[in-house]
Protein backbone atom coordinates (compact mmCIF):
# COMPACT_ATOMS: atom_id res chain seq x y z
CA MET A 1 -73.80 -36.84 -185.07
CA PRO A 2 -70.51 -35.59 -186.08
CA THR A 3 -69.03 -38.13 -184.37
CA LYS A 4 -69.92 -40.24 -187.07
CA LYS A 5 -68.89 -37.81 -189.61
CA TYR A 6 -65.35 -38.65 -187.15
CA MET A 7 -65.03 -41.72 -187.23
CA THR A 8 -66.21 -42.96 -191.33
CA TRP A 9 -63.16 -40.35 -191.77
CA ALA A 10 -60.64 -41.52 -189.27
CA ALA A 11 -61.45 -45.33 -190.49
CA ALA A 12 -61.24 -44.05 -194.27
CA ALA A 13 -57.08 -42.44 -193.40
CA PHE A 14 -56.96 -45.59 -191.79
CA VAL A 15 -57.28 -48.37 -194.70
CA ALA A 16 -56.31 -45.71 -197.15
CA TYR A 17 -52.73 -45.97 -194.51
CA TYR A 18 -53.55 -49.29 -194.49
CA VAL A 19 -53.08 -50.76 -198.34
CA ILE A 20 -51.08 -47.78 -199.22
CA ARG A 21 -48.64 -49.46 -196.37
CA GLU A 22 -49.56 -53.29 -196.84
CA PRO A 23 -50.13 -52.67 -200.49
CA ASP A 24 -49.81 -57.01 -201.30
CA ARG A 25 -51.71 -57.98 -197.70
CA PRO A 26 -55.09 -55.97 -198.67
CA ALA A 27 -55.26 -56.79 -202.67
CA ARG A 28 -54.85 -60.78 -201.91
CA SER A 29 -58.56 -60.25 -199.34
CA VAL A 30 -60.05 -58.91 -202.47
CA GLY A 31 -59.02 -60.89 -204.72
CA SER A 32 -60.38 -63.56 -202.09
CA ALA A 33 -63.70 -61.38 -201.73
CA ALA A 34 -63.69 -61.66 -206.25
CA GLY A 35 -63.15 -65.75 -205.85
CA GLY A 36 -65.49 -65.42 -203.77
CA LEU A 37 -67.99 -64.13 -205.55
CA ALA A 38 -67.48 -65.70 -208.48
CA SER A 39 -68.10 -69.29 -206.46
CA ALA A 40 -71.69 -68.17 -205.27
CA ALA A 41 -72.28 -66.10 -208.62
CA GLY A 42 -71.48 -69.85 -210.82
CA SER A 43 -73.53 -72.32 -208.17
CA LEU A 44 -76.40 -69.76 -208.13
CA SER A 45 -75.82 -69.73 -212.03
CA THR A 46 -76.16 -74.22 -212.23
CA PHE A 47 -78.35 -74.14 -209.90
CA VAL A 48 -80.94 -72.09 -211.79
CA SER A 49 -80.14 -73.35 -215.34
CA THR A 50 -81.19 -76.67 -213.15
CA LEU A 51 -84.55 -75.31 -212.62
CA ALA A 52 -85.55 -75.02 -215.92
């Protein structure tokens, strides 16, 4: 099981390095994902309100 632990730490270090080195691209990705989730929530809300 130590391999899984090391891979998790390596992935976390890579993500931290990437965010520190290029903060604009990850920020846009997170913003895009948040926009998609908001759109999905709005669609679900419309669907549920139409049922009533």
